[in-house]
Amino acid sequence: MIDLQPSDEQQQIIDSISSFLADTAAIDRLISSGAAVANEDQVLRHALAGLGVFGLGVAEEFGGVGYGLAEEALVAREFGRVLLSPALLMGIVAPHVALTSQNGSLANNIMSGAVAIGAGASITAADEDLLGEWHFIDSRDVELILVCRDDRIGFVAASDLAGRRDVLSMDWTLSLERGDVTGGVVSMVSPTLCRRMNLLVAAYMVGAAEAATQMSVDYACVRHQFNQPIGAFQAVKHRCADMLAASVSAWSQTAFAILAHADEASDAAYQAHAACMISKNALFNNAAKNIQNHGGIGFTGEHTPHIFVKRSHFMDRIGDTDLAHRSALLGRFPSRSQSFVNF
């Protein structure tokens, strides 16, 4: 039997990051009465670097903390709970990419917080060279942007982008740009690194799905109708129960996939694709139900439920999309993926 519960040491990591984010990046930072609010999460980069977040999974011989993907995923999950900028999540993956490219100096600069990393989301880029049109998320003041598609991952220098321009962001808490990558990409074919990135995105989405669940439960306890909390009504109870079940199953599959990746299991790719699909499905559904549980206030800019819906669409575009994971399962594992066709 596989133990999916965190060890005492891992729980200390969770508690440390959770406490830091509660003090510095509470979810309420993303709302303001009557106005759109852009996040200022990049100011936390140096503090997070001081906690060892960006070198958590890097071996000590390369200047890291010496843990692994499991510990990185626990941090990513906490990032998701407060909807921290996806660009900071890329800072966890980036040192591994730099080290694999034999650039130890860059890896150390990323781990120390000296170099900021942006997040890229493919629009028309080809997976064989990563050239083409991209969206850039929270990447206005960064030097390098991490780009990944299929089995190819790498960096593009912000100075090498062509036609870079601001575009309207569905999630006003994230800056969004569009531009063309026409050259200057330092990339490699690395299914292992791409899987690592996808699993961290999955863990982030699980954390967000769990936060949406907790938000619904808390609101159901304090919002009253007919002289009783709305959580007493069966329809609300069932929605909250479904949200919890979705979150638990998503984390269980993601944790299992992380262990399969760490053990280099023969089905590691299969488990990772499944984890990404299930975690994204959990966040999309939980975010929608969270709005429903909040009623009219859930649609307003003065409350946070709508941000979970918008953030889910952004996270779905980083790394491989849900459609890409389904296609990979159908194409590479036809005998095992039939059950996912109508998932």
Protein backbone atom coordinates (compact mmCIF):
# COMPACT_ATOMS: atom_id res chain seq x y z
CA MET A 1 0.00 0.00 0.00
CA ILE A 2 1.27 3.48 -0.90
CA ASP A 3 1.16 6.15 1.80
CA LEU A 4 -0.05 9.42 0.25
CA GLN A 5 0.05 11.35 3.54
CA PRO A 6 2.85 13.88 4.11
CA SER A 7 5.62 12.95 6.50
CA ASP A 8 6.35 15.07 9.58
CA GLU A 9 9.11 16.86 7.68
CA GLN A 10 6.87 17.50 4.70
CA GLN A 11 4.15 18.81 7.01
CA GLN A 12 6.64 21.32 8.38
CA ILE A 13 7.22 22.55 4.83
CA ILE A 14 3.47 22.87 4.29
CA ASP A 15 2.98 24.73 7.55
CA SER A 16 5.86 27.11 6.83
CA ILE A 17 4.66 28.05 3.34
CA SER A 18 1.01 28.19 4.38
CA SER A 19 1.80 30.52 7.26
CA PHE A 20 3.93 32.78 5.06
CA LEU A 21 1.26 33.04 2.36
CA ALA A 22 -1.51 33.65 4.91
CA ASP A 23 0.45 36.64 6.19
CA THR A 24 1.60 38.04 2.84
CA ALA A 25 -0.76 36.82 0.10
CA ALA A 26 -4.25 36.33 1.51
CA ILE A 27 -6.85 35.75 -1.19
CA ASP A 28 -8.54 39.07 -0.32
CA ARG A 29 -5.57 40.88 -1.88
CA LEU A 30 -7.15 40.18 -5.28
CA ILE A 31 -10.37 42.12 -4.70
CA SER A 32 -11.23 45.75 -4.17
CA SER A 33 -14.53 47.55 -4.10
CA GLY A 34 -15.39 48.87 -7.53
CA ALA A 35 -11.99 48.44 -9.19
CA ALA A 36 -9.85 45.81 -10.88
CA VAL A 37 -6.79 44.81 -8.89
CA ALA A 38 -3.52 43.61 -10.42
CA ASN A 39 -1.55 41.26 -8.19
CA GLU A 40 1.80 42.33 -6.79
CA ASP A 41 3.00 38.82 -6.12
CA GLN A 42 6.40 39.34 -7.75
CA VAL A 43 7.45 41.41 -4.73
CA LEU A 44 7.36 38.13 -2.79
CA ARG A 45 10.00 36.54 -5.02
CA HIS A 46 13.00 37.33 -2.81
CA ALA A 47 11.17 36.28 0.35
CA LEU A 48 10.16 32.98 -1.25
CA ALA A 49 13.74 32.49 -2.42
CA GLY A 50 14.88 33.07 1.17
CA LEU A 51 12.57 30.25 2.26
CA GLY A 52 14.27 27.98 -0.27
CA VAL A 53 11.16 27.55 -2.39
CA PHE A 54 12.84 27.85 -5.80
CA GLY A 55 15.59 25.40 -4.92
CA LEU A 56 13.48 23.00 -2.92
CA GLY A 57 13.77 20.12 -5.37
CA VAL A 58 17.31 20.86 -6.51
CA ALA A 59 20.15 18.70 -5.20
CA GLU A 60 22.37 20.23 -2.52
CA GLU A 61 25.45 19.83 -4.70
CA PHE A 62 23.91 22.38 -7.10
CA GLY A 63 22.97 24.84 -4.38
CA GLY A 64 19.46 23.57 -3.71
CA VAL A 65 17.69 22.32 -0.61
CA GLY A 66 17.85 18.67 -1.67
CA TYR A 67 14.23 17.55 -1.61
CA GLY A 68 12.25 16.28 -4.60
CA LEU A 69 9.17 16.74 -6.74
CA ALA A 70 6.86 15.67 -3.90
CA GLU A 71 7.94 18.60 -1.73
CA GLU A 72 7.74 20.99 -4.70
CA ALA A 73 4.18 19.81 -5.34
CA LEU A 74 3.21 20.46 -1.73
CA VAL A 75 4.39 24.05 -2.16
CA ALA A 76 2.59 24.38 -5.51
CA ARG A 77 -0.59 23.18 -3.82
CA GLU A 78 -0.25 25.98 -1.25
CA PHE A 79 0.37 28.47 -4.08
CA GLY A 80 -2.93 27.35 -5.60
CA ARG A 81 -4.87 27.89 -2.40
CA VAL A 82 -4.15 31.64 -2.54
CA LEU A 83 -4.02 31.88 -6.35
CA LEU A 84 -0.43 33.06 -6.32
CA SER A 85 0.90 34.28 -9.66
CA PRO A 86 1.66 31.41 -12.08
CA ALA A 87 4.94 33.17 -12.84
CA LEU A 88 6.19 32.35 -9.34
CA LEU A 89 5.23 28.71 -9.89
CA MET A 90 7.49 28.72 -12.95
CA GLY A 91 10.34 29.72 -10.65
CA ILE A 92 10.19 26.24 -9.10
CA VAL A 93 10.61 24.51 -12.47
CA ALA A 94 13.12 26.94 -13.97
CA PRO A 95 16.26 25.89 -12.01
CA HIS A 96 15.83 22.31 -13.22
CA VAL A 97 15.65 23.54 -16.82
CA ALA A 98 18.76 25.70 -16.33
CA LEU A 99 20.75 22.85 -14.77
CA THR A 100 19.73 20.44 -17.52
CA SER A 101 21.02 23.06 -19.97
CA GLN A 102 24.35 23.06 -18.08
CA ASN A 103 23.80 26.63 -16.90
CA GLY A 104 24.50 26.44 -13.18
CA SER A 105 24.95 30.20 -12.86
CA LEU A 106 21.44 30.86 -14.14
CA ALA A 107 20.03 28.17 -11.87
CA ASN A 108 21.65 29.81 -8.83
CA ASN A 109 20.34 33.24 -9.85
CA ILE A 110 16.81 31.87 -10.16
CA MET A 111 17.01 30.07 -6.82
CA SER A 112 18.28 33.25 -5.11
CA GLY A 113 15.48 35.35 -6.60
CA ALA A 114 17.92 37.50 -8.60
CA VAL A 115 16.32 36.44 -11.90
CA ALA A 116 12.55 36.54 -12.33
CA ILE A 117 10.83 34.01 -14.56
CA GLY A 118 7.64 34.59 -16.55
CA ALA A 119 5.03 32.09 -17.70
CA GLY A 120 4.31 31.31 -21.34
CA ALA A 121 1.12 29.79 -22.76
CA SER A 122 1.20 28.54 -26.34
CA ILE A 123 -1.21 29.86 -28.98
CA THR A 124 0.24 28.64 -32.29
CA ALA A 125 3.75 27.50 -31.32
CA ALA A 126 5.05 24.28 -32.84
CA ASP A 127 6.21 21.69 -30.34
CA GLU A 128 9.30 20.81 -32.39
CA ASP A 129 10.90 24.26 -31.94
CA LEU A 130 8.56 26.31 -29.70
CA LEU A 131 8.52 29.08 -32.32
CA GLY A 132 5.25 30.87 -32.94
CA GLU A 133 2.72 32.99 -31.07
CA TRP A 134 2.48 32.86 -27.28
CA HIS A 135 0.67 34.46 -24.41
CA PHE A 136 2.89 35.75 -21.60
CA ILE A 137 1.43 35.80 -18.08
CA ASP A 138 2.76 38.21 -15.45
CA SER A 139 5.92 38.61 -17.51
CA ARG A 140 6.24 42.36 -18.06
CA ASP A 141 9.35 42.91 -15.94
CA VAL A 142 11.11 39.56 -16.26
CA GLU A 143 14.26 38.61 -18.13
CA LEU A 144 13.31 35.07 -19.09
CA ILE A 145 10.02 33.33 -19.84
CA LEU A 146 9.60 29.59 -19.37
CA VAL A 147 7.86 27.97 -22.34
CA CYS A 148 6.77 24.36 -22.66
CA ARG A 149 4.78 22.37 -25.17
CA ASP A 150 4.47 18.62 -25.49
CA ASP A 151 7.95 17.23 -24.69
CA ARG A 152 9.98 20.40 -25.36
CA ILE A 153 10.76 22.98 -22.68
CA GLY A 154 13.07 25.96 -22.45
CA PHE A 155 13.60 29.69 -21.97
CA VAL A 156 13.01 32.61 -24.27
CA ALA A 157 14.61 35.96 -23.50
CA ALA A 158 12.03 38.72 -23.13
CA SER A 159 14.24 40.96 -25.28
CA ASP A 160 13.96 38.52 -28.21
CA LEU A 161 10.16 38.65 -28.48
CA ALA A 162 8.61 40.17 -31.60
CA GLY A 163 5.36 42.10 -31.72
CA ARG A 164 5.02 42.06 -27.95
CA ARG A 165 1.86 43.85 -26.86
CA ASP A 166 -0.63 44.03 -24.01
CA VAL A 167 -3.95 42.26 -24.53
CA LEU A 168 -7.12 42.27 -22.46
CA SER A 169 -6.88 39.76 -19.63
CA MET A 170 -9.94 37.76 -18.63
CA ASP A 171 -8.40 37.52 -15.16
CA TRP A 172 -7.67 41.13 -14.26
CA THR A 173 -5.37 40.03 -11.45
CA LEU A 174 -2.87 38.77 -14.05
CA SER A 175 -1.11 40.85 -16.68
CA LEU A 176 -1.38 39.34 -20.15
CA GLU A 177 0.70 39.99 -23.25
CA ARG A 178 0.90 38.41 -26.67
CA GLY A 179 3.94 38.11 -28.88
CA ASP A 180 5.89 35.99 -31.33
CA VAL A 181 8.84 33.79 -30.49
CA THR A 182 10.89 33.91 -33.68
CA GLY A 183 14.26 32.83 -32.31
CA GLY A 184 16.52 32.98 -29.30
CA VAL A 185 14.89 29.98 -27.62
CA VAL A 186 17.16 27.82 -25.47
CA SER A 187 15.16 24.61 -25.33
CA MET A 188 15.49 20.86 -25.15
CA VAL A 189 13.42 17.74 -25.57
CA SER A 190 12.80 16.48 -22.04
CA PRO A 191 9.64 14.50 -21.28
CA THR A 192 10.77 14.31 -17.64
CA LEU A 193 11.02 18.08 -17.18
CA CYS A 194 7.75 18.69 -19.04
CA ARG A 195 6.03 16.10 -16.85
CA ARG A 196 7.46 17.81 -13.77
CA MET A 197 6.00 21.12 -14.90
CA ASN A 198 2.61 19.63 -15.70
CA LEU A 199 2.43 17.90 -12.32
CA LEU A 200 3.25 21.14 -10.49
CA VAL A 201 0.49 22.88 -12.44
CA ALA A 202 -1.81 20.01 -11.45
CA ALA A 203 -0.89 20.42 -7.78
CA TYR A 204 -1.55 24.16 -8.03
CA MET A 205 -4.98 23.47 -9.50
CA VAL A 206 -5.77 20.97 -6.75
CA GLY A 207 -4.93 23.61 -4.15
CA ALA A 208 -7.22 26.09 -5.87
CA ALA A 209 -10.01 23.50 -6.07
CA GLU A 210 -9.62 22.80 -2.35
CA ALA A 211 -9.70 26.53 -1.56
CA ALA A 212 -12.91 26.94 -3.57
CA THR A 213 -14.43 24.06 -1.60
CA GLN A 214 -13.46 25.57 1.75
CA MET A 215 -14.79 28.95 0.65
CA SER A 216 -18.18 27.40 -0.17
CA VAL A 217 -18.34 25.52 3.13
CA ASP A 218 -17.46 28.65 5.11
CA TYR A 219 -20.07 30.71 3.29
CA ALA A 220 -22.72 28.01 3.70
CA CYS A 221 -22.21 28.23 7.46
CA VAL A 222 -22.68 32.00 7.75
CA ARG A 223 -25.21 32.81 5.00
CA HIS A 224 -28.74 32.42 6.35
CA GLN A 225 -32.09 32.02 4.60
CA PHE A 226 -35.40 31.20 6.26
CA ASN A 227 -33.69 31.57 9.63
CA GLN A 228 -31.12 28.84 9.04
CA PRO A 229 -27.72 28.57 7.35
CA ILE A 230 -27.92 27.65 3.67
CA GLY A 231 -25.64 24.70 4.44
CA ALA A 232 -28.68 23.06 6.00
CA PHE A 233 -30.34 22.78 2.59
CA GLN A 234 -29.81 19.52 0.74
CA ALA A 235 -28.89 21.11 -2.60
CA VAL A 236 -26.04 23.09 -1.03
CA LYS A 237 -24.90 20.12 1.04
CA HIS A 238 -24.68 17.93 -2.04
CA ARG A 239 -22.74 20.51 -4.04
CA CYS A 240 -20.22 20.93 -1.22
CA ALA A 241 -19.90 17.15 -0.88
CA ASP A 242 -19.29 16.81 -4.62
CA MET A 243 -16.63 19.53 -4.45
CA LEU A 244 -14.86 17.75 -1.61
CA ALA A 245 -14.95 14.42 -3.45
CA ALA A 246 -13.51 16.05 -6.58
CA SER A 247 -10.69 17.69 -4.59
CA VAL A 248 -9.78 14.52 -2.72
CA SER A 249 -9.71 12.38 -5.85
CA ALA A 250 -7.68 14.99 -7.72
CA TRP A 251 -5.04 15.19 -5.00
CA SER A 252 -4.90 11.41 -4.61
CA GLN A 253 -4.25 10.94 -8.32
CA THR A 254 -1.75 13.80 -8.43
CA ALA A 255 0.17 12.46 -5.42
CA PHE A 256 0.19 8.97 -6.94
CA ALA A 257 1.46 10.37 -10.24
CA ILE A 258 4.24 12.24 -8.43
CA LEU A 259 5.39 9.04 -6.73
CA ALA A 260 5.24 7.18 -10.05
CA HIS A 261 7.38 9.92 -11.59
CA ALA A 262 9.89 9.79 -8.73
CA ASP A 263 10.13 5.99 -9.00
CA GLU A 264 10.46 6.18 -12.81
CA ALA A 265 7.56 3.74 -13.06
CA SER A 266 6.64 2.35 -16.45
CA ASP A 267 3.24 4.04 -16.27
CA ALA A 268 4.53 7.39 -14.96
CA ALA A 269 3.44 9.25 -18.11
CA TYR A 270 -0.02 7.69 -17.99
CA GLN A 271 -0.50 8.60 -14.34
CA ALA A 272 0.69 12.17 -14.95
CA HIS A 273 -1.72 12.74 -17.85
CA ALA A 274 -4.56 11.34 -15.73
CA ALA A 275 -3.61 13.56 -12.78
CA CYS A 276 -3.56 16.68 -14.93
CA MET A 277 -6.97 15.89 -16.41
CA ILE A 278 -8.59 15.13 -13.06
CA SER A 279 -7.11 18.18 -11.29
CA LYS A 280 -8.21 20.53 -14.04
CA ASN A 281 -11.68 19.02 -14.05
CA ALA A 282 -11.86 19.45 -10.25
CA LEU A 283 -10.92 23.13 -10.40
CA PHE A 284 -13.24 23.96 -13.29
CA ASN A 285 -16.20 22.26 -11.61
CA ASN A 286 -15.47 23.45 -8.07
CA ALA A 287 -14.98 27.03 -9.20
CA ALA A 288 -18.36 26.98 -10.94
CA LYS A 289 -20.13 25.41 -7.97
CA ASN A 290 -18.51 27.89 -5.63
CA ILE A 291 -20.17 30.72 -7.55
CA GLN A 292 -23.48 28.88 -7.44
CA ASN A 293 -23.21 28.39 -3.68
CA HIS A 294 -22.54 32.09 -3.21
CA GLY A 295 -25.56 33.11 -5.26
CA GLY A 296 -25.64 36.65 -6.67
CA ILE A 297 -22.57 37.86 -4.79
CA GLY A 298 -20.48 35.15 -6.43
CA PHE A 299 -20.72 36.96 -9.78
CA THR A 300 -19.56 40.34 -8.46
CA GLY A 301 -16.09 41.81 -8.53
CA GLU A 302 -16.35 42.52 -4.82
CA HIS A 303 -15.94 38.85 -3.94
CA THR A 304 -13.37 36.21 -4.96
CA PRO A 305 -15.37 33.24 -6.37
CA HIS A 306 -15.23 34.53 -9.95
CA ILE A 307 -11.43 34.72 -9.81
CA PHE A 308 -11.21 30.95 -9.33
CA VAL A 309 -13.15 30.44 -12.57
CA LYS A 310 -10.92 32.82 -14.48
CA ARG A 311 -7.70 31.44 -13.01
CA SER A 312 -8.71 27.91 -13.98
CA HIS A 313 -8.74 28.93 -17.65
CA PHE A 314 -5.29 30.51 -17.34
CA MET A 315 -3.78 27.48 -15.64
CA ASP A 316 -5.23 25.19 -18.28
CA ARG A 317 -3.08 26.96 -20.89
CA ILE A 318 0.24 26.58 -19.06
CA GLY A 319 2.10 23.45 -20.08
CA ASP A 320 -0.16 20.98 -21.84
CA THR A 321 -3.88 21.67 -22.07
CA ASP A 322 -6.59 19.29 -20.97
CA LEU A 323 -7.18 18.41 -24.63
CA ALA A 324 -3.48 17.59 -25.04
CA HIS A 325 -3.58 15.24 -22.05
CA ARG A 326 -6.66 13.46 -23.43
CA SER A 327 -5.07 13.17 -26.86
CA ALA A 328 -1.87 11.80 -25.33
CA LEU A 329 -3.78 9.13 -23.45
CA LEU A 330 -5.78 8.15 -26.50
CA GLY A 331 -2.75 8.15 -28.79
CA ARG A 332 -0.14 6.55 -26.57
CA PHE A 333 -2.20 4.31 -24.33
CA PRO A 334 -5.23 3.24 -26.42
CA SER A 335 -5.83 0.10 -24.39
CA ARG A 336 -5.98 2.01 -21.09
CA SER A 337 -7.60 5.29 -22.10
CA GLN A 338 -11.02 4.32 -23.40
CA SER A 339 -12.57 5.24 -20.05
CA PHE A 340 -11.33 8.82 -20.47
CA VAL A 341 -13.09 9.45 -23.79
CA ASN A 342 -16.24 10.69 -22.08
CA PHE A 343 -14.66 11.79 -18.82
